[in-house]
Amino acid sequence: MNSRHSRPPLDRILKIHERLQARAYPNCVSLAAEMEFSALTLKRDIMFMKERLKLPLEYDGRRHGYYYARPVDRFPETALSEAELFSLRVAEKAISQYRVTSFQRPFRMACRKLSGPSNEREPGPADLAALSFRPLAPEAADQHSFEIVTRALREGRGLRFCYRNLGAGMAQKRHVHPYHLACIENHWYLFAHDVKRQAIRTFALARLSSPSVSDERFAPAVDFNPDEYLRGSFTVMRGGVDYEVALQFDRWAADLLRGRQWHTSQRFLELPGGAAVLQMRLNGLEEVERWVLGWGAHATVLRPKALLERIRKTAAELVERYRAVDIEG
């Protein structure tokens, strides 16, 4: 059998490697109890490390455990299948759309290490030319700020910065405990506990400036889950009201909507003639209002009334604004 497809799981082997590096003299019985795998499975792993990876594994009869007969400076590379290697290169191509060196460069280096000389074939230009990622207006995040924010996240330290709210003229000083960083709709957002306000707040990195990491350490809230936190949001903004949103789309728009996940709560109902209704439960209307307006006459609000009134008001303002506009040509 091809060793690429029969090799033991890497995470299990790495744990054995860690125990050997710590000179803990593990054996198959102790490893089985610690890792909750059978002793036979661990025996195969150890033989794989010794025979296939050529690691200097020896057994000490007095200590009843394995050890490295000489120092192992780095774990040997393992071969990837063509499918695994291709997937890795696709991931590298996907992350390259974000011009943030602190992620892009080390990720590229990791890909090169994983797909290095131990792999017989690398995807050629024709392979990768078949796939591309073209996000609409990806955000050019400030590299310096990004690196400081990610450092605070990695080290579990407090973060101070100046922040300008959306549409505001002046920035305010903030002191937060950073919990999570996410790229949503091609924008980077930091979810953090605001120390002064004693609540979790969302900060757009593009409006964050002069960040600095403090000496203060904190324990992140174990119950914070970004998916749960944003469950009622259309994208990232949270509100305080529960809305049942229903939008009707004509046949042209329904063809563009069909088969896509617009929200975790969505229900997509087909109508006669090819039209469709999209239903969602949201806790705010600002973001979905902009989205509905983007569909123009192809979308109609069925409910709630609050969203219908917002669309009517914006439409009336647009009519008045463009009534007096006269553009030649």
C-alpha atoms as a PDB file:
ATOM      1  CA  MET A   1       0.000   0.000   0.000  1.00  0.00           C
ATOM      2  CA  ASN A   2       1.191   3.539  -0.762  1.00  0.00           C
ATOM      3  CA  SER A   3       2.731   4.944   2.431  1.00  0.00           C
ATOM      4  CA  ARG A   4       1.249   8.357   1.678  1.00  0.00           C
ATOM      5  CA  HIS A   5      -2.216   7.014   2.312  1.00  0.00           C
ATOM      6  CA  SER A   6      -1.359   4.566   5.125  1.00  0.00           C
ATOM      7  CA  ARG A   7       0.766   6.792   7.330  1.00  0.00           C
ATOM      8  CA  PRO A   8      -0.458   7.190  10.930  1.00  0.00           C
ATOM      9  CA  PRO A   9      -2.151  10.471  11.888  1.00  0.00           C
ATOM     10  CA  LEU A  10       0.465  13.164  12.259  1.00  0.00           C
ATOM     11  CA  ASP A  11      -0.918  14.644  15.479  1.00  0.00           C
ATOM     12  CA  ARG A  12      -0.509  11.294  17.268  1.00  0.00           C
ATOM     13  CA  ILE A  13       3.083  10.920  16.088  1.00  0.00           C
ATOM     14  CA  LEU A  14       3.893  14.481  17.108  1.00  0.00           C
ATOM     15  CA  LYS A  15       2.661  13.773  20.643  1.00  0.00           C
ATOM     16  CA  ILE A  16       4.951  10.739  20.843  1.00  0.00           C
ATOM     17  CA  HIS A  17       7.790  12.913  19.538  1.00  0.00           C
ATOM     18  CA  GLU A  18       7.118  15.491  22.286  1.00  0.00           C
ATOM     19  CA  ARG A  19       7.277  12.809  24.989  1.00  0.00           C
ATOM     20  CA  LEU A  20      10.561  11.517  23.542  1.00  0.00           C
ATOM     21  CA  GLN A  21      12.046  15.020  23.363  1.00  0.00           C
ATOM     22  CA  ALA A  22      11.113  15.506  27.020  1.00  0.00           C
ATOM     23  CA  ARG A  23      13.022  12.279  27.830  1.00  0.00           C
ATOM     24  CA  ALA A  24       9.935  10.815  29.490  1.00  0.00           C
ATOM     25  CA  TYR A  25      10.802   7.308  28.236  1.00  0.00           C
ATOM     26  CA  PRO A  26       7.273   6.487  27.025  1.00  0.00           C
ATOM     27  CA  ASN A  27       6.232   2.950  26.148  1.00  0.00           C
ATOM     28  CA  CYS A  28       3.220   1.606  24.285  1.00  0.00           C
ATOM     29  CA  VAL A  29       1.215   0.966  27.476  1.00  0.00           C
ATOM     30  CA  SER A  30       1.802   4.400  29.017  1.00  0.00           C
ATOM     31  CA  LEU A  31       1.153   6.135  25.672  1.00  0.00           C
ATOM     32  CA  ALA A  32      -2.062   4.152  25.202  1.00  0.00           C
ATOM     33  CA  ALA A  33      -3.336   5.249  28.627  1.00  0.00           C
ATOM     34  CA  GLU A  34      -2.361   8.869  28.018  1.00  0.00           C
ATOM     35  CA  MET A  35      -3.617   9.190  24.437  1.00  0.00           C
ATOM     36  CA  GLU A  36      -6.585   6.782  24.590  1.00  0.00           C
ATOM     37  CA  PHE A  37      -5.437   4.615  21.680  1.00  0.00           C
ATOM     38  CA  SER A  38      -4.643   0.908  21.740  1.00  0.00           C
ATOM     39  CA  ALA A  39      -1.109  -0.215  22.579  1.00  0.00           C
ATOM     40  CA  LEU A  40      -1.001  -1.962  19.192  1.00  0.00           C
ATOM     41  CA  THR A  41      -1.760   1.294  17.395  1.00  0.00           C
ATOM     42  CA  LEU A  42       0.977   3.104  19.312  1.00  0.00           C
ATOM     43  CA  LYS A  43       3.387   0.262  18.528  1.00  0.00           C
ATOM     44  CA  ARG A  44       2.722   0.752  14.816  1.00  0.00           C
ATOM     45  CA  ASP A  45       3.265   4.490  15.219  1.00  0.00           C
ATOM     46  CA  ILE A  46       6.635   3.939  16.882  1.00  0.00           C
ATOM     47  CA  MET A  47       7.709   1.498  14.160  1.00  0.00           C
ATOM     48  CA  PHE A  48       6.642   4.015  11.527  1.00  0.00           C
ATOM     49  CA  MET A  49       8.765   6.700  13.210  1.00  0.00           C
ATOM     50  CA  LYS A  50      11.769   4.410  13.374  1.00  0.00           C
ATOM     51  CA  GLU A  51      11.565   2.678   9.991  1.00  0.00           C
ATOM     52  CA  ARG A  52       9.914   5.249   7.694  1.00  0.00           C
ATOM     53  CA  LEU A  53      10.918   8.548   9.275  1.00  0.00           C
ATOM     54  CA  LYS A  54      14.371   7.218  10.236  1.00  0.00           C
ATOM     55  CA  LEU A  55      14.216   8.679  13.743  1.00  0.00           C
ATOM     56  CA  PRO A  56      16.897   7.385  16.199  1.00  0.00           C
ATOM     57  CA  LEU A  57      14.437   5.511  18.419  1.00  0.00           C
ATOM     58  CA  GLU A  58      15.830   2.975  20.890  1.00  0.00           C
ATOM     59  CA  TYR A  59      14.286   1.034  23.775  1.00  0.00           C
ATOM     60  CA  ASP A  60      15.771   1.270  27.293  1.00  0.00           C
ATOM     61  CA  GLY A  61      15.092  -1.982  29.158  1.00  0.00           C
ATOM     62  CA  ARG A  62      15.936  -0.510  32.548  1.00  0.00           C
ATOM     63  CA  ARG A  63      13.545   2.428  32.153  1.00  0.00           C
ATOM     64  CA  HIS A  64      10.989   0.366  30.209  1.00  0.00           C
ATOM     65  CA  GLY A  65      10.561   3.063  27.591  1.00  0.00           C
ATOM     66  CA  TYR A  66      11.742   4.521  24.310  1.00  0.00           C
ATOM     67  CA  TYR A  67      14.216   7.361  23.861  1.00  0.00           C
ATOM     68  CA  TYR A  68      16.160   9.177  21.152  1.00  0.00           C
ATOM     69  CA  ALA A  69      19.703   7.832  20.879  1.00  0.00           C
ATOM     70  CA  ARG A  70      20.880  11.176  19.533  1.00  0.00           C
ATOM     71  CA  PRO A  71      19.445  14.727  19.455  1.00  0.00           C
ATOM     72  CA  VAL A  72      16.614  15.382  17.002  1.00  0.00           C
ATOM     73  CA  ASP A  73      16.709  19.046  16.056  1.00  0.00           C
ATOM     74  CA  ARG A  74      13.601  19.015  13.881  1.00  0.00           C
ATOM     75  CA  PHE A  75      10.817  16.646  13.041  1.00  0.00           C
ATOM     76  CA  PRO A  76      11.309  15.117   9.572  1.00  0.00           C
ATOM     77  CA  GLU A  77       9.070  16.158   6.728  1.00  0.00           C
ATOM     78  CA  THR A  78       6.273  13.802   5.777  1.00  0.00           C
ATOM     79  CA  ALA A  79       5.068  13.258   2.238  1.00  0.00           C
ATOM     80  CA  LEU A  80       1.724  14.706   1.208  1.00  0.00           C
ATOM     81  CA  SER A  81      -0.620  13.171  -1.311  1.00  0.00           C
ATOM     82  CA  GLU A  82      -1.282  15.153  -4.490  1.00  0.00           C
ATOM     83  CA  ALA A  83      -4.781  16.013  -3.246  1.00  0.00           C
ATOM     84  CA  GLU A  84      -3.425  17.240   0.109  1.00  0.00           C
ATOM     85  CA  LEU A  85      -0.686  19.248  -1.577  1.00  0.00           C
ATOM     86  CA  PHE A  86      -3.112  20.820  -4.029  1.00  0.00           C
ATOM     87  CA  SER A  87      -5.484  21.751  -1.162  1.00  0.00           C
ATOM     88  CA  LEU A  88      -2.598  23.366   0.701  1.00  0.00           C
ATOM     89  CA  ARG A  89      -1.692  25.472  -2.308  1.00  0.00           C
ATOM     90  CA  VAL A  90      -5.330  26.502  -2.757  1.00  0.00           C
ATOM     91  CA  ALA A  91      -5.374  27.673   0.885  1.00  0.00           C
ATOM     92  CA  GLU A  92      -2.164  29.630   0.258  1.00  0.00           C
ATOM     93  CA  LYS A  93      -3.739  31.278  -2.770  1.00  0.00           C
ATOM     94  CA  ALA A  94      -6.878  32.124  -0.811  1.00  0.00           C
ATOM     95  CA  ILE A  95      -5.025  33.835   2.028  1.00  0.00           C
ATOM     96  CA  SER A  96      -2.852  35.822  -0.406  1.00  0.00           C
ATOM     97  CA  GLN A  97      -5.871  38.014  -1.211  1.00  0.00           C
ATOM     98  CA  TYR A  98      -5.372  39.715   2.169  1.00  0.00           C
ATOM     99  CA  ARG A  99      -2.359  41.996   1.969  1.00  0.00           C
ATOM    100  CA  VAL A 100      -1.353  41.448   5.576  1.00  0.00           C
ATOM    101  CA  THR A 101       2.257  40.326   5.737  1.00  0.00           C
ATOM    102  CA  SER A 102       2.041  39.048   9.318  1.00  0.00           C
ATOM    103  CA  PHE A 103      -0.221  36.222   8.091  1.00  0.00           C
ATOM    104  CA  GLN A 104       0.683  35.892   4.443  1.00  0.00           C
ATOM    105  CA  ARG A 105       4.457  35.466   4.687  1.00  0.00           C
ATOM    106  CA  PRO A 106       4.647  32.836   7.484  1.00  0.00           C
ATOM    107  CA  PHE A 107       1.772  30.905   5.921  1.00  0.00           C
ATOM    108  CA  ARG A 108       3.602  30.813   2.583  1.00  0.00           C
ATOM    109  CA  MET A 109       6.759  29.611   4.345  1.00  0.00           C
ATOM    110  CA  ALA A 110       4.775  26.881   6.134  1.00  0.00           C
ATOM    111  CA  CYS A 111       3.325  25.747   2.812  1.00  0.00           C
ATOM    112  CA  ARG A 112       6.807  25.577   1.315  1.00  0.00           C
ATOM    113  CA  LYS A 113       8.051  23.471   4.245  1.00  0.00           C
ATOM    114  CA  LEU A 114       5.101  21.086   4.078  1.00  0.00           C
ATOM    115  CA  SER A 115       5.385  20.719   0.316  1.00  0.00           C
ATOM    116  CA  GLY A 116       9.175  20.546   0.278  1.00  0.00           C
ATOM    117  CA  PRO A 117      11.610  17.981  -1.141  1.00  0.00           C
ATOM    118  CA  SER A 118       9.912  14.978   0.462  1.00  0.00           C
ATOM    119  CA  ASN A 119       6.983  15.421  -1.927  1.00  0.00           C
ATOM    120  CA  GLU A 120       7.450  13.977  -5.375  1.00  0.00           C
ATOM    121  CA  ARG A 121       5.273  16.429  -7.263  1.00  0.00           C
ATOM    122  CA  GLU A 122       4.150  20.004  -6.784  1.00  0.00           C
ATOM    123  CA  PRO A 123       1.129  21.457  -8.550  1.00  0.00           C
ATOM    124  CA  GLY A 124       2.296  23.228 -11.677  1.00  0.00           C
ATOM    125  CA  PRO A 125       1.119  26.591 -13.058  1.00  0.00           C
ATOM    126  CA  ALA A 126      -1.652  24.884 -15.007  1.00  0.00           C
ATOM    127  CA  ASP A 127      -3.059  23.322 -11.819  1.00  0.00           C
ATOM    128  CA  LEU A 128      -3.273  26.562  -9.850  1.00  0.00           C
ATOM    129  CA  ALA A 129      -4.369  28.614 -12.856  1.00  0.00           C
ATOM    130  CA  ALA A 130      -7.626  26.666 -12.751  1.00  0.00           C
ATOM    131  CA  LEU A 131      -8.575  28.340  -9.446  1.00  0.00           C
ATOM    132  CA  SER A 132      -8.644  31.944  -8.288  1.00  0.00           C
ATOM    133  CA  PHE A 133     -10.130  34.102  -5.518  1.00  0.00           C
ATOM    134  CA  ARG A 134     -11.353  37.580  -6.442  1.00  0.00           C
ATOM    135  CA  PRO A 135     -12.959  39.324  -3.457  1.00  0.00           C
ATOM    136  CA  LEU A 136     -14.739  42.629  -4.013  1.00  0.00           C
ATOM    137  CA  ALA A 137     -12.640  45.481  -2.577  1.00  0.00           C
ATOM    138  CA  PRO A 138     -10.484  43.522  -0.079  1.00  0.00           C
ATOM    139  CA  GLU A 139      -9.379  45.706   2.801  1.00  0.00           C
ATOM    140  CA  ALA A 140      -5.754  46.865   2.907  1.00  0.00           C
ATOM    141  CA  ALA A 141      -5.243  46.506   6.656  1.00  0.00           C
ATOM    142  CA  ASP A 142      -2.468  48.466   8.334  1.00  0.00           C
ATOM    143  CA  GLN A 143       0.320  45.934   8.806  1.00  0.00           C
ATOM    144  CA  HIS A 144       1.747  47.539  11.961  1.00  0.00           C
ATOM    145  CA  SER A 145      -1.639  47.709  13.715  1.00  0.00           C
ATOM    146  CA  PHE A 146      -2.506  44.196  12.584  1.00  0.00           C
ATOM    147  CA  GLU A 147       0.682  42.736  14.024  1.00  0.00           C
ATOM    148  CA  ILE A 148       0.185  44.486  17.384  1.00  0.00           C
ATOM    149  CA  VAL A 149      -3.429  43.293  17.641  1.00  0.00           C
ATOM    150  CA  THR A 150      -2.513  39.696  16.784  1.00  0.00           C
ATOM    151  CA  ARG A 151       0.327  39.791  19.296  1.00  0.00           C
ATOM    152  CA  ALA A 152      -2.086  40.845  22.066  1.00  0.00           C
ATOM    153  CA  LEU A 153      -4.398  37.991  21.041  1.00  0.00           C
ATOM    154  CA  ARG A 154      -1.611  35.404  21.057  1.00  0.00           C
ATOM    155  CA  GLU A 155      -0.201  36.489  24.412  1.00  0.00           C
ATOM    156  CA  GLY A 156      -3.521  37.132  26.180  1.00  0.00           C
ATOM    157  CA  ARG A 157      -2.631  40.739  27.003  1.00  0.00           C
ATOM    158  CA  GLY A 158      -4.636  43.928  27.264  1.00  0.00           C
ATOM    159  CA  LEU A 159      -4.756  46.277  24.296  1.00  0.00           C
ATOM    160  CA  ARG A 160      -5.053  50.085  24.139  1.00  0.00           C
ATOM    161  CA  PHE A 161      -5.841  52.085  21.010  1.00  0.00           C
ATOM    162  CA  CYS A 162      -7.740  55.038  19.585  1.00  0.00           C
ATOM    163  CA  TYR A 163     -10.970  54.170  17.826  1.00  0.00           C
ATOM    164  CA  ARG A 164     -13.274  56.179  15.584  1.00  0.00           C
ATOM    165  CA  ASN A 165     -16.887  54.998  15.474  1.00  0.00           C
ATOM    166  CA  LEU A 166     -18.555  54.672  12.095  1.00  0.00           C
ATOM    167  CA  GLY A 167     -19.339  58.135  10.745  1.00  0.00           C
ATOM    168  CA  ALA A 168     -17.775  59.926  13.747  1.00  0.00           C
ATOM    169  CA  GLY A 169     -15.224  62.715  13.368  1.00  0.00           C
ATOM    170  CA  MET A 170     -13.177  62.154  16.525  1.00  0.00           C
ATOM    171  CA  ALA A 171     -11.499  59.022  17.831  1.00  0.00           C
ATOM    172  CA  GLN A 172     -11.794  57.850  21.434  1.00  0.00           C
ATOM    173  CA  LYS A 173      -9.279  56.002  23.599  1.00  0.00           C
ATOM    174  CA  ARG A 174     -10.202  52.390  24.305  1.00  0.00           C
ATOM    175  CA  HIS A 175      -8.819  49.748  26.677  1.00  0.00           C
ATOM    176  CA  VAL A 176      -9.880  46.202  25.819  1.00  0.00           C
ATOM    177  CA  HIS A 177      -9.198  42.522  26.371  1.00  0.00           C
ATOM    178  CA  PRO A 178      -9.052  41.061  22.824  1.00  0.00           C
ATOM    179  CA  TYR A 179     -10.961  37.805  22.288  1.00  0.00           C
ATOM    180  CA  HIS A 180     -11.186  37.133  18.556  1.00  0.00           C
ATOM    181  CA  LEU A 181     -10.198  38.515  15.145  1.00  0.00           C
ATOM    182  CA  ALA A 182     -12.335  37.791  12.078  1.00  0.00           C
ATOM    183  CA  CYS A 183     -12.434  38.737   8.416  1.00  0.00           C
ATOM    184  CA  ILE A 184     -16.073  39.360   7.496  1.00  0.00           C
ATOM    185  CA  GLU A 185     -17.099  40.612   4.060  1.00  0.00           C
ATOM    186  CA  ASN A 186     -13.428  41.422   3.350  1.00  0.00           C
ATOM    187  CA  HIS A 187     -13.158  43.625   6.465  1.00  0.00           C
ATOM    188  CA  TRP A 188     -11.148  42.755   9.586  1.00  0.00           C
ATOM    189  CA  TYR A 189     -12.974  43.003  12.932  1.00  0.00           C
ATOM    190  CA  LEU A 190     -11.737  42.623  16.503  1.00  0.00           C
ATOM    191  CA  PHE A 191     -14.124  41.262  19.139  1.00  0.00           C
ATOM    192  CA  ALA A 192     -12.987  42.400  22.565  1.00  0.00           C
ATOM    193  CA  HIS A 193     -14.175  43.083  26.095  1.00  0.00           C
ATOM    194  CA  ASP A 194     -14.240  46.843  26.637  1.00  0.00           C
ATOM    195  CA  VAL A 195     -12.894  47.375  30.168  1.00  0.00           C
ATOM    196  CA  LYS A 196     -14.633  50.723  30.736  1.00  0.00           C
ATOM    197  CA  ARG A 197     -18.004  49.687  29.308  1.00  0.00           C
ATOM    198  CA  GLN A 198     -17.820  46.163  30.805  1.00  0.00           C
ATOM    199  CA  ALA A 199     -19.211  44.617  27.634  1.00  0.00           C
ATOM    200  CA  ILE A 200     -18.032  42.939  24.453  1.00  0.00           C
ATOM    201  CA  ARG A 201     -17.647  45.352  21.561  1.00  0.00           C
ATOM    202  CA  THR A 202     -16.774  44.977  17.871  1.00  0.00           C
ATOM    203  CA  PHE A 203     -13.995  47.121  16.381  1.00  0.00           C
ATOM    204  CA  ALA A 204     -13.179  47.551  12.689  1.00  0.00           C
ATOM    205  CA  LEU A 205      -9.411  47.437  12.280  1.00  0.00           C
ATOM    206  CA  ALA A 206      -9.555  50.077   9.553  1.00  0.00           C
ATOM    207  CA  ARG A 207     -10.779  52.626  12.139  1.00  0.00           C
ATOM    208  CA  LEU A 208      -8.336  51.585  14.861  1.00  0.00           C
ATOM    209  CA  SER A 209      -5.109  53.546  15.350  1.00  0.00           C
ATOM    210  CA  SER A 210      -2.095  53.818  17.682  1.00  0.00           C
ATOM    211  CA  PRO A 211      -2.490  50.346  19.235  1.00  0.00           C
ATOM    212  CA  SER A 212      -0.199  49.236  22.067  1.00  0.00           C
ATOM    213  CA  VAL A 213       0.034  45.998  24.050  1.00  0.00           C
ATOM    214  CA  SER A 214      -0.047  46.401  27.838  1.00  0.00           C
ATOM    215  CA  ASP A 215       1.704  44.294  30.472  1.00  0.00           C
ATOM    216  CA  GLU A 216      -1.706  43.288  31.815  1.00  0.00           C
ATOM    217  CA  ARG A 217      -2.669  39.656  31.293  1.00  0.00           C
ATOM    218  CA  PHE A 218      -6.249  38.423  31.317  1.00  0.00           C
ATOM    219  CA  ALA A 219      -8.174  35.180  31.064  1.00  0.00           C
ATOM    220  CA  PRO A 220     -10.531  35.189  28.053  1.00  0.00           C
ATOM    221  CA  ALA A 221     -14.167  34.374  28.706  1.00  0.00           C
ATOM    222  CA  VAL A 222     -14.462  30.638  28.151  1.00  0.00           C
ATOM    223  CA  ASP A 223     -18.050  30.988  26.964  1.00  0.00           C
ATOM    224  CA  PHE A 224     -17.295  33.519  24.179  1.00  0.00           C
ATOM    225  CA  ASN A 225     -18.166  32.078  20.792  1.00  0.00           C
ATOM    226  CA  PRO A 226     -18.036  34.414  17.761  1.00  0.00           C
ATOM    227  CA  ASP A 227     -20.654  32.361  15.904  1.00  0.00           C
ATOM    228  CA  GLU A 228     -23.083  32.627  18.808  1.00  0.00           C
ATOM    229  CA  TYR A 229     -22.234  36.304  19.329  1.00  0.00           C
ATOM    230  CA  LEU A 230     -23.118  37.124  15.706  1.00  0.00           C
ATOM    231  CA  ARG A 231     -25.981  34.654  15.335  1.00  0.00           C
ATOM    232  CA  GLY A 232     -28.659  37.337  14.859  1.00  0.00           C
ATOM    233  CA  SER A 233     -26.496  39.695  12.790  1.00  0.00           C
ATOM    234  CA  PHE A 234     -26.778  39.820   9.029  1.00  0.00           C
ATOM    235  CA  THR A 235     -22.991  40.258   8.840  1.00  0.00           C
ATOM    236  CA  VAL A 236     -21.327  41.939  11.848  1.00  0.00           C
ATOM    237  CA  MET A 237     -23.617  44.596  13.380  1.00  0.00           C
ATOM    238  CA  ARG A 238     -25.708  43.491  16.356  1.00  0.00           C
ATOM    239  CA  GLY A 239     -29.053  44.908  17.413  1.00  0.00           C
ATOM    240  CA  GLY A 240     -31.388  44.389  20.324  1.00  0.00           C
ATOM    241  CA  VAL A 241     -34.685  43.447  18.662  1.00  0.00           C
ATOM    242  CA  ASP A 242     -35.847  40.130  17.232  1.00  0.00           C
ATOM    243  CA  TYR A 243     -37.078  40.555  13.640  1.00  0.00           C
ATOM    244  CA  GLU A 244     -38.590  37.995  11.318  1.00  0.00           C
ATOM    245  CA  VAL A 245     -37.420  39.198   7.908  1.00  0.00           C
ATOM    246  CA  ALA A 246     -39.095  38.030   4.697  1.00  0.00           C
ATOM    247  CA  LEU A 247     -37.951  39.258   1.289  1.00  0.00           C
ATOM    248  CA  GLN A 248     -39.432  38.341  -2.090  1.00  0.00           C
ATOM    249  CA  PHE A 249     -37.121  38.168  -5.113  1.00  0.00           C
ATOM    250  CA  ASP A 250     -38.079  37.945  -8.786  1.00  0.00           C
ATOM    251  CA  ARG A 251     -36.910  35.097 -11.009  1.00  0.00           C
ATOM    252  CA  TRP A 252     -33.703  36.890 -12.082  1.00  0.00           C
ATOM    253  CA  ALA A 253     -32.598  37.561  -8.488  1.00  0.00           C
ATOM    254  CA  ALA A 254     -33.730  34.140  -7.268  1.00  0.00           C
ATOM    255  CA  ASP A 255     -31.310  32.510  -9.717  1.00  0.00           C
ATOM    256  CA  LEU A 256     -28.459  34.468  -8.100  1.00  0.00           C
ATOM    257  CA  LEU A 257     -29.635  33.728  -4.545  1.00  0.00           C
ATOM    258  CA  ARG A 258     -30.417  30.051  -4.912  1.00  0.00           C
ATOM    259  CA  GLY A 259     -27.934  27.583  -3.381  1.00  0.00           C
ATOM    260  CA  ARG A 260     -26.079  30.157  -1.264  1.00  0.00           C
ATOM    261  CA  GLN A 261     -25.926  30.515   2.527  1.00  0.00           C
ATOM    262  CA  TRP A 262     -26.921  34.107   3.280  1.00  0.00           C
ATOM    263  CA  HIS A 263     -27.659  33.537   6.974  1.00  0.00           C
ATOM    264  CA  THR A 264     -27.635  30.618   9.394  1.00  0.00           C
ATOM    265  CA  SER A 265     -31.375  31.005  10.060  1.00  0.00           C
ATOM    266  CA  GLN A 266     -32.448  31.307   6.427  1.00  0.00           C
ATOM    267  CA  ARG A 267     -35.329  29.523   4.745  1.00  0.00           C
ATOM    268  CA  PHE A 268     -35.509  29.684   0.962  1.00  0.00           C
ATOM    269  CA  LEU A 269     -39.028  29.178  -0.355  1.00  0.00           C
ATOM    270  CA  GLU A 270     -39.611  28.616  -4.062  1.00  0.00           C
ATOM    271  CA  LEU A 271     -42.595  30.335  -5.682  1.00  0.00           C
ATOM    272  CA  PRO A 272     -44.437  29.492  -8.921  1.00  0.00           C
ATOM    273  CA  GLY A 273     -42.766  30.993 -11.968  1.00  0.00           C
ATOM    274  CA  GLY A 274     -39.230  30.952 -10.540  1.00  0.00           C
ATOM    275  CA  ALA A 275     -39.510  33.710  -7.927  1.00  0.00           C
ATOM    276  CA  ALA A 276     -38.565  32.992  -4.301  1.00  0.00           C
ATOM    277  CA  VAL A 277     -38.911  34.232  -0.711  1.00  0.00           C
ATOM    278  CA  LEU A 278     -35.929  34.426   1.647  1.00  0.00           C
ATOM    279  CA  GLN A 279     -36.748  34.328   5.374  1.00  0.00           C
ATOM    280  CA  MET A 280     -34.302  35.106   8.208  1.00  0.00           C
ATOM    281  CA  ARG A 281     -34.338  35.999  11.905  1.00  0.00           C
ATOM    282  CA  LEU A 282     -32.182  39.076  12.609  1.00  0.00           C
ATOM    283  CA  ASN A 283     -31.625  41.352  15.604  1.00  0.00           C
ATOM    284  CA  GLY A 284     -30.909  44.472  13.525  1.00  0.00           C
ATOM    285  CA  LEU A 285     -31.981  45.989  10.199  1.00  0.00           C
ATOM    286  CA  GLU A 286     -29.237  48.401   9.132  1.00  0.00           C
ATOM    287  CA  GLU A 287     -27.110  45.892   7.241  1.00  0.00           C
ATOM    288  CA  VAL A 288     -29.974  44.016   5.602  1.00  0.00           C
ATOM    289  CA  GLU A 289     -31.473  47.367   4.516  1.00  0.00           C
ATOM    290  CA  ARG A 290     -28.326  48.185   2.520  1.00  0.00           C
ATOM    291  CA  TRP A 291     -28.343  44.671   1.069  1.00  0.00           C
ATOM    292  CA  VAL A 292     -31.989  44.915  -0.062  1.00  0.00           C
ATOM    293  CA  LEU A 293     -31.362  48.313  -1.657  1.00  0.00           C
ATOM    294  CA  GLY A 294     -28.500  46.758  -3.607  1.00  0.00           C
ATOM    295  CA  TRP A 295     -30.988  44.443  -5.352  1.00  0.00           C
ATOM    296  CA  GLY A 296     -32.977  47.415  -6.639  1.00  0.00           C
ATOM    297  CA  ALA A 297     -36.390  46.548  -8.103  1.00  0.00           C
ATOM    298  CA  HIS A 298     -35.601  42.824  -7.977  1.00  0.00           C
ATOM    299  CA  ALA A 299     -36.391  42.644  -4.225  1.00  0.00           C
ATOM    300  CA  THR A 300     -39.540  43.431  -2.234  1.00  0.00           C
ATOM    301  CA  VAL A 301     -39.802  43.589   1.561  1.00  0.00           C
ATOM    302  CA  LEU A 302     -42.694  41.494   2.890  1.00  0.00           C
ATOM    303  CA  ARG A 303     -41.872  41.978   6.585  1.00  0.00           C
ATOM    304  CA  PRO A 304     -41.157  43.452   9.070  1.00  0.00           C
ATOM    305  CA  LYS A 305     -42.908  46.789   8.703  1.00  0.00           C
ATOM    306  CA  ALA A 306     -39.886  48.549  10.240  1.00  0.00           C
ATOM    307  CA  LEU A 307     -37.681  47.401   7.353  1.00  0.00           C
ATOM    308  CA  LEU A 308     -40.324  48.372   4.798  1.00  0.00           C
ATOM    309  CA  GLU A 309     -40.479  51.894   6.269  1.00  0.00           C
ATOM    310  CA  ARG A 310     -36.691  52.249   6.184  1.00  0.00           C
ATOM    311  CA  ILE A 311     -36.621  51.257   2.503  1.00  0.00           C
ATOM    312  CA  ARG A 312     -39.480  53.682   1.695  1.00  0.00           C
ATOM    313  CA  LYS A 313     -37.696  56.563   3.447  1.00  0.00           C
ATOM    314  CA  THR A 314     -34.387  55.906   1.695  1.00  0.00           C
ATOM    315  CA  ALA A 315     -36.122  55.514  -1.685  1.00  0.00           C
ATOM    316  CA  ALA A 316     -37.931  58.848  -1.206  1.00  0.00           C
ATOM    317  CA  GLU A 317     -34.667  60.579  -0.309  1.00  0.00           C
ATOM    318  CA  LEU A 318     -33.005  59.139  -3.413  1.00  0.00           C
ATOM    319  CA  VAL A 319     -35.865  60.357  -5.622  1.00  0.00           C
ATOM    320  CA  GLU A 320     -35.520  63.887  -4.215  1.00  0.00           C
ATOM    321  CA  ARG A 321     -31.720  63.851  -4.505  1.00  0.00           C
ATOM    322  CA  TYR A 322     -31.681  62.781  -8.130  1.00  0.00           C
ATOM    323  CA  ARG A 323     -34.692  64.880  -9.184  1.00  0.00           C
ATOM    324  CA  ALA A 324     -32.497  67.988  -9.337  1.00  0.00           C
ATOM    325  CA  VAL A 325     -29.423  66.242 -10.756  1.00  0.00           C
ATOM    326  CA  ASP A 326     -28.755  66.835 -14.413  1.00  0.00           C
ATOM    327  CA  ILE A 327     -25.788  65.043 -15.944  1.00  0.00           C
ATOM    328  CA  GLU A 328     -24.884  65.662 -19.567  1.00  0.00           C
ATOM    329  CA  GLY A 329     -24.171  62.643 -21.735  1.00  0.00           C
END
